[in-house]
């Protein structure tokens, strides 16, 4: 068998495979012998059917199958040996092949070739880097969030806004409990009461007090109300009666106080003595989180910039045919064109990203992934106030995470994004712009 290739243009190549009978005859004969051993036909014992009958029945399909196997293996070996960088997969050039009457064949396959990527077209160009400034409002909001997270639940005797109530609902008829009516214990959030007049009445209640009202008028969210009364949404429509509501318990999340004990819970590894020092640490934490968001936007903006500037030369018509042939479902023309456009953008970036990684020796090792996962687990433990796990327990959690293919791929992509953001900062002219969090959110969402 002889394989040669010729370039059609910068992005397309043709492979020519000349195959003679001796290339495939041995494997065809071996397959025929295997079929003969298993063949069961009336009038013959298993394995004793004459070869002439076996050939008449199976030789042509076996021959075609063996030729296709040989073609596939030979093409892949040739591409690998000659280091031909392709896109998609080899596509047979359609022409009539007479397998039945011929013994020697010439096959042709079209290849889509990976283009040359010139990163210099985008490197050293100016790009905006949006830095989020930590304002007093963000610091205060974050501190309030922390005091809530590390607060404790108390059970006061009187009701305030924000409380959760354990109550019992009893359906009434003419002012008395309805026979076979709803009698259900549940919980409600005071802030979910939409009727302002009723809300004022609730805020005057104490534990063990009762109140009569129509829940359908008090709560606008019918899904939540159906759950409270333990009925379906369909049945809820027919329930318009008043209910007796008994307040059985009041639960309130009491925020933690800003003291040394609280500072230690939030930042156990840092000795913080004053509220001022605590605010400094909170600002640092916010700034670190904001830098990650700034880097993420830089990555998105820079990758699009590279796609626009480099303009990757792809074998578009070849890829279109290859995608249509390999699509798992049938697309309408408009739908396919949209998917194809997205695919070209995705493929362009993948080729650019690969080139960046090759030229800058960016590789993600198992050790990198394990370290990233471990840091994430430790940060999550700190956020929950639990930092007392031993190394063995943490390693077990990390191992479980990495065994999840989806999570592992997600974290690998995050590490790649971090490394590429570092690359963009080193290779592009960064123009730093200070913005508020609200301004940054608008920029990230492409809002004016």
Protein backbone atom coordinates (compact mmCIF):
# COMPACT_ATOMS: atom_id res chain seq x y z
CA UNK A 1 0.00 0.00 0.00
CA UNK A 2 1.26 3.46 -0.93
CA UNK A 3 0.09 6.71 0.71
CA UNK A 4 0.99 10.16 -0.58
CA UNK A 5 -0.32 13.63 0.19
CA UNK A 6 -0.61 16.88 -1.72
CA UNK A 7 -1.64 20.33 -0.58
CA UNK A 8 -4.74 21.85 -2.12
CA UNK A 9 -4.22 25.18 -0.36
CA UNK A 10 -2.99 26.45 3.03
CA UNK A 11 -5.85 24.81 4.89
CA UNK A 12 -6.69 21.68 2.86
CA UNK A 13 -4.79 18.54 1.87
CA UNK A 14 -5.59 15.39 -0.09
CA UNK A 15 -4.34 11.95 0.93
CA UNK A 16 -4.11 9.35 -1.84
CA UNK A 17 -4.06 5.70 -0.81
CA UNK A 18 -3.22 3.04 -3.41
CA UNK A 19 -4.21 -0.42 -2.22
CA UNK A 20 -3.58 -3.74 -3.93
CA UNK A 21 -5.07 -7.16 -3.19
CA UNK A 22 -2.06 -8.38 -1.22
CA UNK A 23 -2.60 -5.53 1.28
CA UNK A 24 -5.91 -6.89 2.53
CA UNK A 25 -6.19 -10.51 1.30
CA UNK A 26 -4.62 -12.10 4.39
CA UNK A 27 -6.99 -10.41 6.86
CA UNK A 28 -9.98 -11.18 4.60
CA UNK A 29 -9.05 -14.87 4.46
CA UNK A 30 -8.58 -15.00 8.25
CA UNK A 31 -12.00 -13.46 8.79
CA UNK A 32 -13.58 -15.94 6.36
CA UNK A 33 -12.00 -18.83 8.25
CA UNK A 34 -13.41 -17.48 11.53
CA UNK A 35 -16.86 -17.20 9.97
CA UNK A 36 -16.57 -20.76 8.65
CA UNK A 37 -15.79 -22.09 12.14
CA UNK A 38 -18.93 -20.48 13.58
CA UNK A 39 -21.28 -20.83 10.61
CA UNK A 40 -24.41 -22.92 11.22
CA UNK A 41 -26.28 -23.99 8.07
CA UNK A 42 -28.88 -26.75 7.55
CA UNK A 43 -27.26 -29.88 6.06
CA UNK A 44 -23.83 -29.14 7.53
CA UNK A 45 -22.27 -29.51 10.94
CA UNK A 46 -21.16 -26.30 12.67
CA UNK A 47 -17.81 -25.27 11.21
CA UNK A 48 -18.06 -27.66 8.23
CA UNK A 49 -19.80 -25.39 5.71
CA UNK A 50 -17.71 -25.41 2.47
CA UNK A 51 -15.56 -22.29 2.00
CA UNK A 52 -17.13 -21.71 -1.42
CA UNK A 53 -20.51 -21.15 0.28
CA UNK A 54 -18.96 -18.97 2.99
CA UNK A 55 -17.29 -16.81 0.35
CA UNK A 56 -20.43 -16.50 -1.70
CA UNK A 57 -22.38 -15.31 1.32
CA UNK A 58 -19.83 -13.21 3.22
CA UNK A 59 -16.71 -12.44 1.16
CA UNK A 60 -17.81 -9.06 -0.22
CA UNK A 61 -18.99 -7.48 3.07
CA UNK A 62 -15.94 -8.91 4.90
CA UNK A 63 -13.66 -7.54 2.21
CA UNK A 64 -15.20 -4.07 2.44
CA UNK A 65 -15.02 -4.16 6.24
CA UNK A 66 -11.35 -5.20 6.29
CA UNK A 67 -10.42 -2.58 3.68
CA UNK A 68 -12.11 0.12 5.76
CA UNK A 69 -10.28 -1.02 8.89
CA UNK A 70 -6.97 -1.00 7.02
CA UNK A 71 -7.72 2.44 5.58
CA UNK A 72 -8.55 3.91 9.00
CA UNK A 73 -5.42 2.52 10.71
CA UNK A 74 -3.12 3.44 7.81
CA UNK A 75 -4.41 7.00 7.53
CA UNK A 76 -4.06 7.63 11.28
CA UNK A 77 -0.54 6.16 11.29
CA UNK A 78 0.45 8.27 8.28
CA UNK A 79 -0.89 11.48 9.84
CA UNK A 80 0.91 10.71 13.09
CA UNK A 81 4.19 9.70 11.45
CA UNK A 82 4.28 12.78 9.22
CA UNK A 83 3.14 15.08 12.07
CA UNK A 84 0.28 16.51 10.06
CA UNK A 85 -1.84 18.72 12.33
CA UNK A 86 -5.44 18.29 11.26
CA UNK A 87 -8.84 19.70 12.20
CA UNK A 88 -11.87 17.45 12.44
CA UNK A 89 -11.21 14.09 10.82
CA UNK A 90 -10.32 12.70 7.37
CA UNK A 91 -13.22 12.97 4.91
CA UNK A 92 -13.44 10.50 1.98
CA UNK A 93 -13.57 12.08 -1.45
CA UNK A 94 -16.75 10.69 -2.95
CA UNK A 95 -16.21 8.53 -6.03
CA UNK A 96 -17.47 5.19 -7.27
CA UNK A 97 -15.51 2.16 -6.02
CA UNK A 98 -16.24 -1.25 -7.57
CA UNK A 99 -15.45 -3.56 -4.65
CA UNK A 100 -17.13 -6.53 -6.30
CA UNK A 101 -15.20 -6.67 -9.57
CA UNK A 102 -11.92 -4.92 -8.74
CA UNK A 103 -9.01 -5.99 -6.57
CA UNK A 104 -6.83 -2.87 -6.62
CA UNK A 105 -8.13 0.50 -5.48
CA UNK A 106 -7.27 4.17 -5.20
CA UNK A 107 -8.87 6.07 -2.32
CA UNK A 108 -8.72 9.78 -1.64
CA UNK A 109 -9.33 11.56 1.67
CA UNK A 110 -9.56 15.27 2.32
CA UNK A 111 -7.88 16.73 5.41
CA UNK A 112 -8.46 20.07 7.09
CA UNK A 113 -5.10 21.49 8.19
CA UNK A 114 -4.45 23.51 11.32
CA UNK A 115 -3.40 27.06 10.38
CA UNK A 116 -0.27 28.85 11.51
CA UNK A 117 -1.01 31.10 14.49
CA UNK A 118 0.93 34.37 14.76
CA UNK A 119 0.50 35.68 18.31
CA UNK A 120 2.49 38.86 17.57
CA UNK A 121 -0.57 40.31 15.81
CA UNK A 122 -2.21 40.72 19.22
CA UNK A 123 0.69 40.90 21.67
CA UNK A 124 1.94 44.30 22.87
CA UNK A 125 -1.43 45.85 22.09
CA UNK A 126 -3.31 48.04 24.59
CA UNK A 127 -6.21 46.61 26.60
CA UNK A 128 -8.32 47.92 29.48
CA UNK A 129 -8.03 46.28 32.88
CA UNK A 130 -10.93 47.16 35.15
CA UNK A 131 -10.01 47.38 38.85
CA UNK A 132 -12.90 47.34 41.33
CA UNK A 133 -12.47 49.73 44.23
CA UNK A 134 -13.67 48.56 47.64
CA UNK A 135 -16.03 51.25 48.88
CA UNK A 136 -17.31 51.65 52.43
CA UNK A 137 -20.68 50.27 51.36
CA UNK A 138 -19.19 46.97 50.10
CA UNK A 139 -17.10 46.65 53.27
CA UNK A 140 -20.12 47.32 55.49
CA UNK A 141 -22.32 44.93 53.49
CA UNK A 142 -19.70 42.18 53.73
CA UNK A 143 -19.28 42.69 57.48
CA UNK A 144 -23.07 42.49 57.90
CA UNK A 145 -23.06 39.27 55.89
CA UNK A 146 -20.32 37.84 58.13
CA UNK A 147 -22.15 38.79 61.33
CA UNK A 148 -25.22 37.00 59.96
CA UNK A 149 -23.19 33.93 58.98
CA UNK A 150 -21.53 33.66 62.40
CA UNK A 151 -24.63 34.74 64.33
CA UNK A 152 -26.81 32.50 66.47
CA UNK A 153 -30.50 31.65 66.47
CA UNK A 154 -32.45 32.85 69.51
CA UNK A 155 -36.10 32.37 70.48
CA UNK A 156 -37.57 35.67 71.70
CA UNK A 157 -41.10 36.11 73.01
CA UNK A 158 -42.10 38.99 70.72
CA UNK A 159 -42.02 39.23 66.92
CA UNK A 160 -39.83 41.51 64.80
CA UNK A 161 -39.25 41.84 61.09
CA UNK A 162 -36.90 39.15 59.76
CA UNK A 163 -38.13 36.52 62.23
CA UNK A 164 -39.21 33.02 61.30
CA UNK A 165 -42.36 31.74 63.00
CA UNK A 166 -43.39 28.18 63.75
CA UNK A 167 -47.17 28.31 63.46
CA UNK A 168 -50.19 26.05 63.26
CA UNK A 169 -52.92 26.79 60.70
CA UNK A 170 -56.52 25.68 61.35
CA UNK A 171 -59.13 26.24 58.67
CA UNK A 172 -62.27 28.01 59.94
CA UNK A 173 -65.90 27.89 58.96
CA UNK A 174 -68.25 30.45 60.51
CA UNK A 175 -65.52 31.32 63.01
CA UNK A 176 -64.92 27.77 64.30
CA UNK A 177 -62.50 25.03 63.17
CA UNK A 178 -63.91 23.29 60.08
CA UNK A 179 -64.62 19.58 60.39
CA UNK A 180 -62.08 17.72 58.23
CA UNK A 181 -60.54 21.11 57.38
CA UNK A 182 -56.85 21.90 57.13
CA UNK A 183 -54.94 21.58 60.40
CA UNK A 184 -51.24 21.93 59.64
CA UNK A 185 -48.06 22.99 61.47
CA UNK A 186 -45.58 24.91 59.33
CA UNK A 187 -43.22 27.88 59.34
CA UNK A 188 -43.51 31.34 57.81
CA UNK A 189 -41.14 34.26 57.36
CA UNK A 190 -42.59 37.47 58.74
CA UNK A 191 -41.13 39.45 55.83
CA UNK A 192 -43.13 37.32 53.35
CA UNK A 193 -46.44 38.72 54.62
CA UNK A 194 -47.57 41.04 51.80
CA UNK A 195 -50.59 42.60 53.49
CA UNK A 196 -49.22 45.66 55.35
CA UNK A 197 -52.14 45.88 57.78
CA UNK A 198 -51.80 42.20 58.68
CA UNK A 199 -48.02 42.59 59.05
CA UNK A 200 -48.52 45.33 61.65
CA UNK A 201 -50.84 43.01 63.59
CA UNK A 202 -48.26 40.20 63.49
CA UNK A 203 -45.58 42.53 64.86
CA UNK A 204 -47.73 43.01 67.98
CA UNK A 205 -48.02 39.27 68.66
CA UNK A 206 -46.12 37.18 71.18
CA UNK A 207 -45.39 33.47 71.48
CA UNK A 208 -48.63 31.42 71.96
CA UNK A 209 -50.79 34.27 70.60
CA UNK A 210 -53.34 33.56 67.88
CA UNK A 211 -54.60 35.58 64.94
CA UNK A 212 -57.34 35.01 62.35
CA UNK A 213 -56.75 35.96 58.73
CA UNK A 214 -57.19 34.78 55.13
CA UNK A 215 -53.82 33.38 53.91
CA UNK A 216 -54.79 33.88 50.27
CA UNK A 217 -54.90 37.62 50.88
CA UNK A 218 -51.78 37.67 53.03
CA UNK A 219 -49.34 35.86 50.74
CA UNK A 220 -48.93 36.63 47.03
CA UNK A 221 -46.59 33.71 46.33
CA UNK A 222 -49.09 30.89 45.80
CA UNK A 223 -46.43 28.20 45.48
CA UNK A 224 -45.11 29.04 48.96
CA UNK A 225 -48.64 29.30 50.35
CA UNK A 226 -49.64 25.87 48.97
CA UNK A 227 -46.57 24.44 50.72
CA UNK A 228 -47.48 26.21 53.99
CA UNK A 229 -50.98 24.75 53.98
CA UNK A 230 -49.77 21.37 52.66
CA UNK A 231 -52.10 21.41 49.63
CA UNK A 232 -51.66 21.43 45.87
CA UNK A 233 -51.72 24.71 43.95
CA UNK A 234 -54.89 23.50 42.21
CA UNK A 235 -56.69 22.89 45.54
CA UNK A 236 -55.45 26.22 46.89
CA UNK A 237 -57.62 28.07 44.35
CA UNK A 238 -60.76 26.75 46.04
CA UNK A 239 -59.62 27.69 49.57
CA UNK A 240 -60.84 31.19 50.38
CA UNK A 241 -61.72 30.79 54.07
CA UNK A 242 -60.09 32.36 57.11
CA UNK A 243 -57.59 30.43 59.23
CA UNK A 244 -56.72 30.48 62.90
CA UNK A 245 -52.96 30.89 63.16
CA UNK A 246 -51.24 30.09 66.47
CA UNK A 247 -47.65 31.32 66.97
CA UNK A 248 -45.91 28.32 68.53
CA UNK A 249 -42.33 29.58 68.40
CA UNK A 250 -40.31 32.58 67.24
CA UNK A 251 -36.83 32.14 65.76
CA UNK A 252 -34.48 35.04 65.12
CA UNK A 253 -30.97 35.09 63.73
CA UNK A 254 -29.05 37.36 66.07
CA UNK A 255 -25.96 38.77 64.31
CA UNK A 256 -22.59 38.21 65.95
CA UNK A 257 -21.11 41.14 67.85
CA UNK A 258 -17.97 42.81 66.55
CA UNK A 259 -15.53 41.56 69.18
CA UNK A 260 -12.33 39.50 69.41
CA UNK A 261 -14.24 36.23 69.55
CA UNK A 262 -16.01 37.07 66.29
CA UNK A 263 -12.77 38.27 64.61
CA UNK A 264 -11.13 34.94 65.53
CA UNK A 265 -14.00 32.95 64.07
CA UNK A 266 -13.82 34.81 60.77
CA UNK A 267 -10.00 34.91 60.50
CA UNK A 268 -8.66 32.20 62.85
CA UNK A 269 -5.12 32.47 61.47
CA UNK A 270 -4.85 36.24 62.13
CA UNK A 271 -4.68 37.99 65.51
CA UNK A 272 -7.16 40.86 65.11
CA UNK A 273 -7.82 43.02 68.19
CA UNK A 274 -9.80 46.03 66.94
CA UNK A 275 -12.75 46.75 64.68
CA UNK A 276 -10.52 49.00 62.57
CA UNK A 277 -8.03 46.16 61.97
CA UNK A 278 -10.93 43.86 61.16
CA UNK A 279 -12.21 46.28 58.51
CA UNK A 280 -8.71 46.42 56.99
CA UNK A 281 -8.70 42.62 56.69
CA UNK A 282 -12.21 42.59 55.20
CA UNK A 283 -11.12 45.17 52.62
CA UNK A 284 -8.11 43.01 51.73
CA UNK A 285 -10.36 39.97 51.33
CA UNK A 286 -12.73 41.92 49.09
CA UNK A 287 -9.84 43.32 47.05
CA UNK A 288 -8.50 39.78 46.49
CA UNK A 289 -11.93 38.62 45.36
CA UNK A 290 -12.33 41.65 43.11
CA UNK A 291 -8.93 41.02 41.49
CA UNK A 292 -10.16 37.56 40.50
CA UNK A 293 -13.21 39.14 38.86
CA UNK A 294 -11.02 41.73 37.12
CA UNK A 295 -8.77 38.94 35.84
CA UNK A 296 -11.79 36.99 34.61
CA UNK A 297 -12.98 40.00 32.62
CA UNK A 298 -9.46 40.56 31.29
CA UNK A 299 -9.39 36.94 30.14
CA UNK A 300 -12.74 37.32 28.34
CA UNK A 301 -11.82 40.66 26.76
CA UNK A 302 -8.30 39.60 25.74
CA UNK A 303 -9.38 36.25 24.27
CA UNK A 304 -11.96 38.05 22.10
CA UNK A 305 -9.29 40.62 21.17
CA UNK A 306 -6.94 37.82 20.06
CA UNK A 307 -9.67 36.17 17.99
CA UNK A 308 -10.44 39.49 16.25
CA UNK A 309 -6.80 40.47 15.63
CA UNK A 310 -5.29 37.12 14.64
CA UNK A 311 -8.18 36.06 12.35
CA UNK A 312 -7.43 32.34 12.25
CA UNK A 313 -7.51 30.96 8.69
CA UNK A 314 -9.74 27.87 8.94
CA UNK A 315 -10.82 25.33 6.29
CA UNK A 316 -14.39 26.50 6.68
CA UNK A 317 -16.10 24.58 3.90
CA UNK A 318 -14.34 21.38 4.93
CA UNK A 319 -15.32 21.88 8.57
CA UNK A 320 -18.91 22.58 7.57
CA UNK A 321 -19.14 19.27 5.70
CA UNK A 322 -17.34 17.41 8.47
CA UNK A 323 -19.68 18.80 11.15
CA UNK A 324 -22.79 17.93 9.13
CA UNK A 325 -21.56 14.37 8.64
CA UNK A 326 -20.74 13.93 12.33
CA UNK A 327 -23.66 15.82 13.93
CA UNK A 328 -25.60 13.72 16.44
CA UNK A 329 -28.86 15.30 15.37
CA UNK A 330 -30.30 16.81 12.22
CA UNK A 331 -30.22 20.63 12.15
CA UNK A 332 -32.39 23.02 10.19
CA UNK A 333 -30.27 25.30 7.97
CA UNK A 334 -30.65 28.43 10.13
CA UNK A 335 -29.95 26.45 13.30
CA UNK A 336 -26.89 24.80 11.76
CA UNK A 337 -25.45 28.12 10.55
CA UNK A 338 -25.77 29.53 14.06
CA UNK A 339 -24.13 26.46 15.64
CA UNK A 340 -21.43 26.52 12.96
CA UNK A 341 -20.63 30.18 13.62
CA UNK A 342 -20.26 29.46 17.36
CA UNK A 343 -18.09 26.43 16.60
CA UNK A 344 -15.70 28.49 14.42
CA UNK A 345 -15.29 31.04 17.21
CA UNK A 346 -14.71 28.26 19.77
CA UNK A 347 -12.23 26.49 17.48
CA UNK A 348 -10.33 29.71 16.72
CA UNK A 349 -9.85 30.38 20.41
CA UNK A 350 -8.80 26.78 21.13
CA UNK A 351 -6.08 27.01 18.47
CA UNK A 352 -4.90 30.38 19.80
CA UNK A 353 -4.96 29.09 23.39
CA UNK A 354 -2.95 25.99 22.42
CA UNK A 355 -0.38 28.19 20.71
CA UNK A 356 -0.08 30.45 23.77
CA UNK A 357 0.36 27.42 26.04
CA UNK A 358 2.99 25.88 23.74
CA UNK A 359 5.05 29.05 23.38
CA UNK A 360 4.88 29.90 27.09
CA UNK A 361 5.22 26.39 28.49
CA UNK A 362 1.83 26.56 30.22
CA UNK A 363 0.99 23.07 31.48
CA UNK A 364 -1.47 21.93 34.13
CA UNK A 365 -0.08 18.98 36.10
CA UNK A 366 -1.89 16.65 38.48
CA UNK A 367 -0.03 18.36 41.31
CA UNK A 368 -1.30 21.78 40.16
CA UNK A 369 -4.87 20.49 40.08
CA UNK A 370 -4.60 18.83 43.50
CA UNK A 371 -3.12 21.99 45.05
CA UNK A 372 -5.88 24.15 43.53
CA UNK A 373 -8.58 21.78 44.80
CA UNK A 374 -7.04 21.68 48.29
CA UNK A 375 -6.93 25.50 48.53
CA UNK A 376 -10.56 25.65 47.48
CA UNK A 377 -11.58 23.12 50.13
CA UNK A 378 -9.64 25.01 52.83
CA UNK A 379 -11.25 28.32 51.83
CA UNK A 380 -14.70 26.74 51.96
CA UNK A 381 -13.97 25.29 55.38
CA UNK A 382 -12.89 28.73 56.61
CA UNK A 383 -16.08 30.32 55.28
CA UNK A 384 -18.09 27.82 57.33
CA UNK A 385 -15.97 28.46 60.42
CA UNK A 386 -14.59 24.89 60.31
CA UNK A 387 -10.80 24.75 60.09
CA UNK A 388 -10.16 21.80 62.36
CA UNK A 389 -10.11 19.02 59.76
CA UNK A 390 -6.95 16.96 59.67
CA UNK A 391 -4.73 16.61 56.60
CA UNK A 392 -5.98 13.08 55.96
CA UNK A 393 -9.63 14.21 55.93
CA UNK A 394 -8.85 17.15 53.64
CA UNK A 395 -6.90 14.90 51.25
CA UNK A 396 -9.90 12.55 51.16
CA UNK A 397 -12.21 15.40 50.20
CA UNK A 398 -9.77 16.56 47.51
CA UNK A 399 -9.50 13.03 46.14
CA UNK A 400 -13.28 12.73 45.88
CA UNK A 401 -13.50 16.05 44.06
CA UNK A 402 -10.82 15.09 41.54
CA UNK A 403 -12.54 11.78 40.83
CA UNK A 404 -15.55 13.77 39.62
CA UNK A 405 -14.66 14.28 35.94
CA UNK A 406 -16.91 17.31 35.54
CA UNK A 407 -15.50 19.06 38.62
CA UNK A 408 -11.94 18.17 37.64
CA UNK A 409 -12.37 19.64 34.14
CA UNK A 410 -14.02 22.75 35.57
CA UNK A 411 -11.09 23.39 37.92
CA UNK A 412 -8.57 22.68 35.15
CA UNK A 413 -10.25 25.35 33.03
CA UNK A 414 -10.09 27.77 35.97
CA UNK A 415 -6.35 27.20 36.37
CA UNK A 416 -5.83 27.70 32.62
CA UNK A 417 -7.77 30.96 32.84
CA UNK A 418 -5.56 32.14 35.71
CA UNK A 419 -2.37 31.26 33.82
CA UNK A 420 -3.60 32.92 30.62
CA UNK A 421 -4.60 36.06 32.54
CA UNK A 422 -1.00 36.22 33.80
CA UNK A 423 0.18 35.80 30.21
CA UNK A 424 -2.06 38.65 28.98
CA UNK A 425 -0.75 40.92 31.77
CA UNK A 426 2.84 40.18 30.76
CA UNK A 427 2.38 40.46 26.97
CA UNK A 428 -0.17 43.26 26.56
CA UNK A 429 -0.11 46.94 27.44
CA UNK A 430 -2.46 47.04 30.42
CA UNK A 431 -4.41 50.24 31.01
CA UNK A 432 -5.75 50.13 34.57
CA UNK A 433 -9.13 51.77 35.17
CA UNK A 434 -10.66 52.12 38.65
CA UNK A 435 -14.43 51.53 38.80
CA UNK A 436 -17.08 50.89 41.43
CA UNK A 437 -18.59 47.44 41.84
CA UNK A 438 -21.84 48.56 40.20
CA UNK A 439 -19.93 50.04 37.25
CA UNK A 440 -17.94 46.83 36.89
CA UNK A 441 -21.10 44.69 36.87
CA UNK A 442 -22.49 46.83 34.04
CA UNK A 443 -19.24 46.47 32.09
CA UNK A 444 -19.19 42.71 32.65
CA UNK A 445 -22.77 42.47 31.39
CA UNK A 446 -22.05 44.79 28.43
CA UNK A 447 -24.45 47.40 29.79
CA UNK A 448 -24.16 51.12 29.16
